[in-house]
N, C-alpha and C. Protein backbone atom coordinates (compact mmCIF):
# COMPACT_ATOMS: atom_id res chain seq x y z
N MET A 1 198.89 -157.04 102.47
CA MET A 1 199.45 -155.89 103.15
C MET A 1 200.16 -155.02 102.12
N ARG A 2 199.81 -153.76 102.15
CA ARG A 2 200.41 -152.80 101.22
C ARG A 2 201.84 -152.48 101.65
N ARG A 3 202.73 -152.37 100.69
CA ARG A 3 204.14 -152.03 100.95
C ARG A 3 204.40 -150.60 100.53
N PHE A 4 205.26 -149.95 101.28
CA PHE A 4 205.64 -148.57 101.00
C PHE A 4 207.14 -148.50 100.83
N ALA A 5 207.58 -147.77 99.81
CA ALA A 5 209.01 -147.66 99.52
C ALA A 5 209.70 -146.65 100.43
N SER A 6 208.91 -145.73 101.02
CA SER A 6 209.50 -144.69 101.86
C SER A 6 208.44 -144.14 102.81
N PHE A 7 208.91 -143.40 103.81
CA PHE A 7 207.96 -142.76 104.72
C PHE A 7 207.15 -141.71 103.97
N ARG A 8 207.77 -141.03 103.04
CA ARG A 8 207.06 -140.02 102.24
C ARG A 8 205.87 -140.64 101.52
N GLU A 9 206.01 -141.85 101.07
CA GLU A 9 204.93 -142.57 100.41
C GLU A 9 203.88 -143.05 101.43
N PHE A 10 204.35 -143.40 102.63
CA PHE A 10 203.47 -143.93 103.67
C PHE A 10 202.60 -142.86 104.33
N TYR A 11 203.14 -141.65 104.52
CA TYR A 11 202.47 -140.63 105.33
C TYR A 11 201.06 -140.27 104.83
N PRO A 12 200.82 -140.10 103.53
CA PRO A 12 199.43 -139.84 103.10
C PRO A 12 198.48 -140.99 103.49
N PHE A 13 198.95 -142.22 103.39
CA PHE A 13 198.15 -143.37 103.84
C PHE A 13 197.87 -143.24 105.33
N TYR A 14 198.90 -142.91 106.10
CA TYR A 14 198.78 -142.76 107.55
C TYR A 14 197.73 -141.70 107.90
N LEU A 15 197.79 -140.56 107.22
CA LEU A 15 196.81 -139.50 107.48
C LEU A 15 195.40 -139.95 107.13
N GLY A 16 195.26 -140.75 106.08
CA GLY A 16 193.95 -141.29 105.73
C GLY A 16 193.39 -142.21 106.79
N GLU A 17 194.28 -142.87 107.52
CA GLU A 17 193.87 -143.75 108.62
C GLU A 17 193.51 -142.96 109.87
N HIS A 18 193.74 -141.65 109.83
CA HIS A 18 193.48 -140.76 110.97
C HIS A 18 192.60 -139.59 110.53
N ALA A 19 191.58 -139.87 109.77
CA ALA A 19 190.72 -138.83 109.21
C ALA A 19 189.72 -138.27 110.23
N HIS A 20 189.33 -139.07 111.19
CA HIS A 20 188.33 -138.62 112.17
C HIS A 20 188.99 -137.66 113.16
N PRO A 21 188.39 -136.48 113.34
CA PRO A 21 189.01 -135.48 114.22
C PRO A 21 189.20 -135.95 115.67
N VAL A 22 188.27 -136.76 116.18
CA VAL A 22 188.42 -137.25 117.56
C VAL A 22 189.62 -138.19 117.65
N SER A 23 189.81 -138.99 116.63
CA SER A 23 190.97 -139.89 116.61
C SER A 23 192.28 -139.10 116.62
N ARG A 24 192.35 -138.06 115.79
CA ARG A 24 193.56 -137.22 115.77
C ARG A 24 193.78 -136.56 117.13
N ARG A 25 192.71 -136.09 117.74
CA ARG A 25 192.83 -135.45 119.06
C ARG A 25 193.31 -136.45 120.10
N LEU A 26 192.78 -137.65 120.05
CA LEU A 26 193.23 -138.67 121.00
C LEU A 26 194.71 -139.00 120.80
N HIS A 27 195.14 -139.09 119.55
CA HIS A 27 196.57 -139.31 119.28
C HIS A 27 197.40 -138.17 119.85
N PHE A 28 196.95 -136.96 119.63
CA PHE A 28 197.69 -135.79 120.10
C PHE A 28 197.77 -135.78 121.63
N ILE A 29 196.66 -136.04 122.30
CA ILE A 29 196.64 -136.07 123.76
C ILE A 29 197.54 -137.19 124.27
N GLY A 30 197.46 -138.34 123.64
CA GLY A 30 198.32 -139.46 124.04
C GLY A 30 199.80 -139.12 123.87
N SER A 31 200.14 -138.44 122.79
CA SER A 31 201.54 -138.03 122.56
C SER A 31 201.99 -137.02 123.61
N CYS A 32 201.11 -136.11 123.98
CA CYS A 32 201.44 -135.16 125.06
C CYS A 32 201.69 -135.93 126.36
N GLY A 33 200.84 -136.90 126.64
CA GLY A 33 201.03 -137.74 127.82
C GLY A 33 202.35 -138.48 127.79
N VAL A 34 202.73 -138.98 126.63
CA VAL A 34 204.01 -139.67 126.47
C VAL A 34 205.16 -138.73 126.84
N LEU A 35 205.12 -137.53 126.32
CA LEU A 35 206.20 -136.57 126.61
C LEU A 35 206.28 -136.25 128.10
N VAL A 36 205.14 -136.04 128.73
CA VAL A 36 205.12 -135.74 130.17
C VAL A 36 205.66 -136.94 130.96
N LEU A 37 205.18 -138.12 130.64
CA LEU A 37 205.60 -139.31 131.38
C LEU A 37 207.07 -139.63 131.17
N LEU A 38 207.59 -139.39 129.97
CA LEU A 38 209.02 -139.60 129.74
C LEU A 38 209.86 -138.59 130.53
N ALA A 39 209.37 -137.37 130.62
CA ALA A 39 210.06 -136.35 131.42
C ALA A 39 210.09 -136.77 132.89
N ILE A 40 208.97 -137.29 133.38
CA ILE A 40 208.92 -137.77 134.76
C ILE A 40 209.88 -138.94 134.95
N ALA A 41 209.91 -139.86 133.96
CA ALA A 41 210.82 -141.01 134.05
C ALA A 41 212.27 -140.56 134.17
N LEU A 42 212.65 -139.55 133.40
CA LEU A 42 214.02 -139.03 133.47
C LEU A 42 214.27 -138.32 134.79
N TRP A 43 213.31 -137.51 135.20
CA TRP A 43 213.46 -136.74 136.43
C TRP A 43 213.55 -137.67 137.65
N GLN A 44 212.67 -138.68 137.66
CA GLN A 44 212.63 -139.63 138.79
C GLN A 44 213.66 -140.76 138.65
N ARG A 45 214.23 -140.86 137.45
CA ARG A 45 215.13 -141.99 137.14
C ARG A 45 214.46 -143.32 137.47
N ASN A 46 213.25 -143.44 136.93
CA ASN A 46 212.43 -144.61 137.20
C ASN A 46 211.81 -145.09 135.88
N ALA A 47 212.22 -146.27 135.44
CA ALA A 47 211.79 -146.82 134.16
C ALA A 47 210.30 -147.15 134.12
N TRP A 48 209.66 -147.29 135.27
CA TRP A 48 208.23 -147.58 135.27
C TRP A 48 207.44 -146.46 134.62
N TRP A 49 207.91 -145.22 134.76
CA TRP A 49 207.23 -144.11 134.11
C TRP A 49 207.37 -144.21 132.58
N ALA A 50 208.48 -144.73 132.10
CA ALA A 50 208.65 -144.94 130.66
C ALA A 50 207.66 -145.99 130.15
N LEU A 51 207.46 -147.02 130.95
CA LEU A 51 206.46 -148.03 130.60
C LEU A 51 205.06 -147.40 130.58
N ALA A 52 204.79 -146.54 131.55
CA ALA A 52 203.50 -145.84 131.58
C ALA A 52 203.34 -144.96 130.34
N ALA A 53 204.44 -144.37 129.88
CA ALA A 53 204.39 -143.54 128.66
C ALA A 53 203.99 -144.39 127.46
N LEU A 54 204.55 -145.57 127.36
CA LEU A 54 204.23 -146.48 126.26
C LEU A 54 202.75 -146.85 126.29
N VAL A 55 202.26 -147.21 127.46
CA VAL A 55 200.85 -147.58 127.62
C VAL A 55 199.96 -146.39 127.29
N CYS A 56 200.31 -145.23 127.78
CA CYS A 56 199.52 -144.01 127.53
C CYS A 56 199.40 -143.73 126.03
N GLY A 57 200.51 -143.73 125.35
CA GLY A 57 200.50 -143.43 123.92
C GLY A 57 199.64 -144.39 123.13
N TYR A 58 199.83 -145.69 123.37
CA TYR A 58 199.06 -146.67 122.62
C TYR A 58 197.60 -146.69 123.04
N ALA A 59 197.31 -146.50 124.31
CA ALA A 59 195.91 -146.54 124.78
C ALA A 59 195.08 -145.46 124.10
N PHE A 60 195.57 -144.23 124.10
CA PHE A 60 194.82 -143.15 123.46
C PHE A 60 194.67 -143.40 121.95
N ALA A 61 195.75 -143.82 121.32
CA ALA A 61 195.71 -144.05 119.88
C ALA A 61 194.74 -145.17 119.52
N TRP A 62 194.80 -146.27 120.26
CA TRP A 62 193.96 -147.40 119.92
C TRP A 62 192.48 -147.13 120.19
N VAL A 63 192.17 -146.34 121.19
CA VAL A 63 190.77 -145.95 121.40
C VAL A 63 190.29 -145.18 120.16
N GLY A 64 191.14 -144.29 119.66
CA GLY A 64 190.79 -143.55 118.44
C GLY A 64 190.53 -144.45 117.26
N HIS A 65 191.36 -145.47 117.11
CA HIS A 65 191.19 -146.38 115.97
C HIS A 65 189.97 -147.27 116.13
N PHE A 66 189.85 -147.92 117.26
CA PHE A 66 188.79 -148.91 117.42
C PHE A 66 187.40 -148.31 117.56
N PHE A 67 187.29 -147.12 118.18
CA PHE A 67 185.97 -146.56 118.44
C PHE A 67 185.57 -145.44 117.49
N PHE A 68 186.54 -144.77 116.87
CA PHE A 68 186.19 -143.64 116.00
C PHE A 68 186.55 -143.91 114.54
N GLU A 69 187.74 -144.35 114.28
CA GLU A 69 188.14 -144.65 112.90
C GLU A 69 187.53 -145.96 112.41
N LYS A 70 187.31 -146.87 113.34
CA LYS A 70 186.82 -148.22 113.00
C LYS A 70 187.80 -148.93 112.07
N ASN A 71 189.08 -148.76 112.36
CA ASN A 71 190.11 -149.45 111.57
C ASN A 71 191.17 -150.03 112.49
N ARG A 72 192.06 -150.76 111.90
CA ARG A 72 193.14 -151.40 112.65
C ARG A 72 194.35 -150.47 112.63
N PRO A 73 194.97 -150.21 113.79
CA PRO A 73 196.12 -149.30 113.81
C PRO A 73 197.23 -149.75 112.85
N ALA A 74 197.84 -148.79 112.18
CA ALA A 74 198.92 -149.08 111.25
C ALA A 74 200.13 -149.67 111.96
N THR A 75 200.19 -149.52 113.28
CA THR A 75 201.28 -150.08 114.08
C THR A 75 201.43 -151.58 113.85
N PHE A 76 200.32 -152.26 113.64
CA PHE A 76 200.37 -153.71 113.47
C PHE A 76 201.02 -154.12 112.15
N ARG A 77 200.89 -153.27 111.13
CA ARG A 77 201.43 -153.63 109.81
C ARG A 77 202.72 -152.89 109.48
N HIS A 78 202.86 -151.68 109.99
CA HIS A 78 204.01 -150.83 109.66
C HIS A 78 204.51 -150.14 110.94
N PRO A 79 205.11 -150.89 111.85
CA PRO A 79 205.44 -150.31 113.16
C PRO A 79 206.39 -149.12 113.13
N ILE A 80 207.43 -149.16 112.31
CA ILE A 80 208.41 -148.07 112.28
C ILE A 80 207.79 -146.82 111.65
N TYR A 81 207.23 -146.98 110.47
CA TYR A 81 206.60 -145.85 109.79
C TYR A 81 205.46 -145.27 110.63
N SER A 82 204.72 -146.12 111.31
CA SER A 82 203.62 -145.67 112.14
C SER A 82 204.13 -144.83 113.31
N PHE A 83 205.20 -145.28 113.94
CA PHE A 83 205.80 -144.53 115.05
C PHE A 83 206.25 -143.16 114.57
N ILE A 84 206.93 -143.13 113.43
CA ILE A 84 207.38 -141.86 112.86
C ILE A 84 206.16 -141.00 112.51
N GLY A 85 205.14 -141.63 111.91
CA GLY A 85 203.93 -140.91 111.53
C GLY A 85 203.24 -140.25 112.71
N ASP A 86 203.22 -140.94 113.86
CA ASP A 86 202.61 -140.35 115.05
C ASP A 86 203.26 -139.02 115.40
N TRP A 87 204.59 -138.98 115.34
CA TRP A 87 205.30 -137.76 115.75
C TRP A 87 205.28 -136.70 114.66
N VAL A 88 205.24 -137.10 113.41
CA VAL A 88 205.11 -136.11 112.33
C VAL A 88 203.71 -135.49 112.39
N MET A 89 202.68 -136.32 112.62
CA MET A 89 201.33 -135.79 112.75
C MET A 89 201.24 -134.88 113.97
N PHE A 90 201.87 -135.24 115.07
CA PHE A 90 201.90 -134.40 116.27
C PHE A 90 202.48 -133.03 115.93
N LYS A 91 203.61 -133.04 115.22
CA LYS A 91 204.25 -131.78 114.80
C LYS A 91 203.34 -131.01 113.85
N ASP A 92 202.70 -131.70 112.93
CA ASP A 92 201.81 -131.04 111.97
C ASP A 92 200.58 -130.42 112.66
N ILE A 93 200.10 -131.05 113.72
CA ILE A 93 199.00 -130.45 114.48
C ILE A 93 199.49 -129.24 115.24
N LEU A 94 200.66 -129.35 115.86
CA LEU A 94 201.23 -128.21 116.60
C LEU A 94 201.47 -126.99 115.70
N THR A 95 201.90 -127.24 114.48
CA THR A 95 202.21 -126.14 113.56
C THR A 95 201.00 -125.66 112.77
N GLY A 96 199.85 -126.32 112.94
CA GLY A 96 198.64 -125.91 112.25
C GLY A 96 198.49 -126.47 110.85
N ARG A 97 199.39 -127.32 110.43
CA ARG A 97 199.28 -127.94 109.10
C ARG A 97 198.09 -128.90 109.03
N ILE A 98 197.80 -129.53 110.17
CA ILE A 98 196.65 -130.43 110.28
C ILE A 98 195.73 -129.86 111.36
N ARG A 99 194.45 -129.86 111.10
CA ARG A 99 193.48 -129.33 112.08
C ARG A 99 193.40 -130.23 113.29
N PHE A 100 193.32 -129.59 114.44
CA PHE A 100 193.14 -130.30 115.70
C PHE A 100 191.67 -130.56 115.85
């Protein structure tokens, strides 16, 4: 397992694990679903929606990895950096830094 000294060092690796455009789109859609479901959880004051957000985010991401990237999600090896990477990539897609 490769070790990273910082997120800055990890992020290029993370992007390399998300090179397929369909995978990136699935991650982005899953992240949008997470935000919507978390908003519903807060609005409804119901933790089940937060659980649905977790399932939504991982389901879309893992479909991207297993069926399009043909790799193992970085979540299994680098859970914290991977979580941060998901949201940085989401922001980078929103701002146009990374192609959707």
